[in-house]
Amino acid sequence: MTVYVDPLVRTDAGYRCKMFADTYQELEDAARLIRVHHSFRRLRGEVQHYVLRESNRRRAVENGAKEVDGDEFERVSNRRNKERLARIVAAEKESKDDEQPRKTQVMEIEML
């Protein structure tokens, strides 16, 4: 299981961290394993994550989550956003390529 937890930071609600994973399924499996309610799930950019209290973070680490620095979440988020943008650009290009023959066919019909 490739699940990560970043360092605890002080918030108005106490100390919190983010738990994220390489895949959505791994994230959900880890959340069930440490018994974190889905109401703590968040989506930031392309990265689903859970906001954990200190005790939940400890349980995640005890169950195999990898402790990473605070910048790792940003790196994963940026990488996934770039991948998403590349997919969107590719889909738009493919869509434009598909439209070209249709326009030609319409023009031929109008000329008849």
C-alpha atoms as a PDB file:
ATOM      1  CA  MET A   1       0.000   0.000   0.000  1.00  0.00           C
ATOM      2  CA  THR A   2       1.439   3.371  -1.003  1.00  0.00           C
ATOM      3  CA  VAL A   3      -0.178   5.832   1.350  1.00  0.00           C
ATOM      4  CA  TYR A   4       1.473   9.021   2.569  1.00  0.00           C
ATOM      5  CA  VAL A   5       1.006  11.386   5.505  1.00  0.00           C
ATOM      6  CA  ASP A   6       2.515  14.840   5.633  1.00  0.00           C
ATOM      7  CA  PRO A   7       3.644  16.580   8.843  1.00  0.00           C
ATOM      8  CA  LEU A   8       1.170  17.794  11.430  1.00  0.00           C
ATOM      9  CA  VAL A   9       0.391  21.496  11.297  1.00  0.00           C
ATOM     10  CA  ARG A  10      -1.406  23.595  13.854  1.00  0.00           C
ATOM     11  CA  THR A  11      -4.875  24.767  12.807  1.00  0.00           C
ATOM     12  CA  ASP A  12      -7.760  26.398  14.640  1.00  0.00           C
ATOM     13  CA  ALA A  13      -9.139  22.895  15.167  1.00  0.00           C
ATOM     14  CA  GLY A  14      -5.886  21.491  16.573  1.00  0.00           C
ATOM     15  CA  TYR A  15      -3.051  19.633  14.860  1.00  0.00           C
ATOM     16  CA  ARG A  16      -3.926  18.147  11.469  1.00  0.00           C
ATOM     17  CA  CYS A  17      -2.222  16.532   8.487  1.00  0.00           C
ATOM     18  CA  LYS A  18      -3.154  15.173   5.066  1.00  0.00           C
ATOM     19  CA  MET A  19      -3.208  11.498   4.127  1.00  0.00           C
ATOM     20  CA  PHE A  20      -3.033  10.798   0.398  1.00  0.00           C
ATOM     21  CA  ALA A  21      -2.146   7.850  -1.811  1.00  0.00           C
ATOM     22  CA  ASP A  22      -1.071   6.843  -5.299  1.00  0.00           C
ATOM     23  CA  THR A  23      -4.572   5.605  -6.095  1.00  0.00           C
ATOM     24  CA  TYR A  24      -8.057   6.391  -4.882  1.00  0.00           C
ATOM     25  CA  GLN A  25      -8.593   2.743  -3.888  1.00  0.00           C
ATOM     26  CA  GLU A  26      -5.470   2.702  -1.711  1.00  0.00           C
ATOM     27  CA  LEU A  27      -6.611   5.890  -0.021  1.00  0.00           C
ATOM     28  CA  GLU A  28     -10.056   4.493   0.731  1.00  0.00           C
ATOM     29  CA  ASP A  29      -8.620   1.187   1.980  1.00  0.00           C
ATOM     30  CA  ALA A  30      -6.281   3.055   4.340  1.00  0.00           C
ATOM     31  CA  ALA A  31      -9.108   5.257   5.603  1.00  0.00           C
ATOM     32  CA  ARG A  32     -11.218   2.186   6.381  1.00  0.00           C
ATOM     33  CA  LEU A  33      -8.278   0.486   8.063  1.00  0.00           C
ATOM     34  CA  ILE A  34      -7.675   3.377  10.472  1.00  0.00           C
ATOM     35  CA  ARG A  35     -11.419   4.105  10.728  1.00  0.00           C
ATOM     36  CA  VAL A  36     -11.549   7.649   9.371  1.00  0.00           C
ATOM     37  CA  HIS A  37     -15.026   8.817   8.380  1.00  0.00           C
ATOM     38  CA  HIS A  38     -15.522   9.829   4.745  1.00  0.00           C
ATOM     39  CA  SER A  39     -16.605  13.319   5.862  1.00  0.00           C
ATOM     40  CA  PHE A  40     -12.879  14.031   6.351  1.00  0.00           C
ATOM     41  CA  ARG A  41     -12.179  13.320   2.646  1.00  0.00           C
ATOM     42  CA  ARG A  42     -11.214  16.326   0.542  1.00  0.00           C
ATOM     43  CA  LEU A  43     -10.353  16.998  -3.086  1.00  0.00           C
ATOM     44  CA  ARG A  44      -7.660  19.529  -3.928  1.00  0.00           C
ATOM     45  CA  GLY A  45      -6.868  19.757  -7.596  1.00  0.00           C
ATOM     46  CA  GLU A  46      -6.500  16.168  -8.667  1.00  0.00           C
ATOM     47  CA  VAL A  47      -5.488  14.835  -5.251  1.00  0.00           C
ATOM     48  CA  GLN A  48      -8.071  13.173  -3.038  1.00  0.00           C
ATOM     49  CA  HIS A  49      -6.928  13.221   0.565  1.00  0.00           C
ATOM     50  CA  TYR A  50      -8.128  12.895   4.131  1.00  0.00           C
ATOM     51  CA  VAL A  51      -7.558  15.428   6.872  1.00  0.00           C
ATOM     52  CA  LEU A  52      -6.339  13.524   9.932  1.00  0.00           C
ATOM     53  CA  ARG A  53      -5.992  14.266  13.610  1.00  0.00           C
ATOM     54  CA  GLU A  54      -2.755  13.362  15.360  1.00  0.00           C
ATOM     55  CA  SER A  55      -4.123  10.030  16.657  1.00  0.00           C
ATOM     56  CA  ASN A  56      -5.322   8.998  13.174  1.00  0.00           C
ATOM     57  CA  ARG A  57      -1.966   9.971  11.685  1.00  0.00           C
ATOM     58  CA  ARG A  58      -0.224   7.749  14.232  1.00  0.00           C
ATOM     59  CA  ARG A  59      -2.503   4.821  13.298  1.00  0.00           C
ATOM     60  CA  ALA A  60      -1.854   5.413   9.595  1.00  0.00           C
ATOM     61  CA  VAL A  61       1.922   5.291  10.147  1.00  0.00           C
ATOM     62  CA  GLU A  62       1.594   2.172  12.324  1.00  0.00           C
ATOM     63  CA  ASN A  63      -0.303   0.558   9.424  1.00  0.00           C
ATOM     64  CA  GLY A  64       2.341   1.355   6.817  1.00  0.00           C
ATOM     65  CA  ALA A  65       1.756   4.934   5.673  1.00  0.00           C
ATOM     66  CA  LYS A  66       4.957   6.658   4.598  1.00  0.00           C
ATOM     67  CA  GLU A  67       5.832   9.921   6.340  1.00  0.00           C
ATOM     68  CA  VAL A  68       6.764  12.593   3.803  1.00  0.00           C
ATOM     69  CA  ASP A  69       7.779  16.243   3.992  1.00  0.00           C
ATOM     70  CA  GLY A  70       5.247  19.014   3.625  1.00  0.00           C
ATOM     71  CA  ASP A  71       6.165  19.689  -0.007  1.00  0.00           C
ATOM     72  CA  GLU A  72       5.393  16.165  -1.215  1.00  0.00           C
ATOM     73  CA  PHE A  73       1.627  16.796  -1.303  1.00  0.00           C
ATOM     74  CA  GLU A  74       2.253  19.858  -3.490  1.00  0.00           C
ATOM     75  CA  ARG A  75       4.524  17.869  -5.818  1.00  0.00           C
ATOM     76  CA  VAL A  76       1.923  15.116  -6.210  1.00  0.00           C
ATOM     77  CA  SER A  77      -0.835  17.678  -6.718  1.00  0.00           C
ATOM     78  CA  ASN A  78       1.172  19.577  -9.345  1.00  0.00           C
ATOM     79  CA  ARG A  79       2.123  16.369 -11.176  1.00  0.00           C
ATOM     80  CA  ARG A  80      -1.478  15.158 -11.299  1.00  0.00           C
ATOM     81  CA  ASN A  81      -2.738  18.556 -12.429  1.00  0.00           C
ATOM     82  CA  LYS A  82      -0.175  18.544 -15.269  1.00  0.00           C
ATOM     83  CA  GLU A  83      -1.240  15.014 -16.237  1.00  0.00           C
ATOM     84  CA  ARG A  84      -4.891  16.110 -16.208  1.00  0.00           C
ATOM     85  CA  LEU A  85      -4.108  19.138 -18.369  1.00  0.00           C
ATOM     86  CA  ALA A  86      -2.228  16.918 -20.832  1.00  0.00           C
ATOM     87  CA  ARG A  87      -5.265  14.596 -21.060  1.00  0.00           C
ATOM     88  CA  ILE A  88      -7.572  17.574 -21.698  1.00  0.00           C
ATOM     89  CA  VAL A  89      -5.302  18.984 -24.422  1.00  0.00           C
ATOM     90  CA  ALA A  90      -5.017  15.552 -26.071  1.00  0.00           C
ATOM     91  CA  ALA A  91      -8.797  15.088 -25.977  1.00  0.00           C
ATOM     92  CA  GLU A  92      -9.356  18.540 -27.498  1.00  0.00           C
ATOM     93  CA  LYS A  93      -6.826  17.799 -30.235  1.00  0.00           C
ATOM     94  CA  GLU A  94      -8.489  14.470 -30.959  1.00  0.00           C
ATOM     95  CA  SER A  95     -11.879  16.175 -31.040  1.00  0.00           C
ATOM     96  CA  LYS A  96     -10.603  18.758 -33.542  1.00  0.00           C
ATOM     97  CA  ASP A  97      -9.093  15.997 -35.698  1.00  0.00           C
ATOM     98  CA  ASP A  98     -12.479  14.243 -35.731  1.00  0.00           C
ATOM     99  CA  GLU A  99     -14.275  17.462 -36.785  1.00  0.00           C
ATOM    100  CA  GLN A 100     -12.155  18.063 -39.884  1.00  0.00           C
ATOM    101  CA  PRO A 101     -13.705  15.320 -42.072  1.00  0.00           C
ATOM    102  CA  ARG A 102     -17.212  16.384 -41.055  1.00  0.00           C
ATOM    103  CA  LYS A 103     -16.640  19.959 -42.203  1.00  0.00           C
ATOM    104  CA  THR A 104     -15.339  18.717 -45.546  1.00  0.00           C
ATOM    105  CA  GLN A 105     -18.372  16.492 -45.982  1.00  0.00           C
ATOM    106  CA  VAL A 106     -20.746  19.364 -45.176  1.00  0.00           C
ATOM    107  CA  MET A 107     -19.034  21.617 -47.697  1.00  0.00           C
ATOM    108  CA  GLU A 108     -19.306  18.953 -50.403  1.00  0.00           C
ATOM    109  CA  ILE A 109     -23.019  18.524 -49.751  1.00  0.00           C
ATOM    110  CA  GLU A 110     -23.615  22.283 -49.912  1.00  0.00           C
ATOM    111  CA  MET A 111     -21.843  22.480 -53.267  1.00  0.00           C
ATOM    112  CA  LEU A 112     -24.153  19.863 -54.841  1.00  0.00           C
END
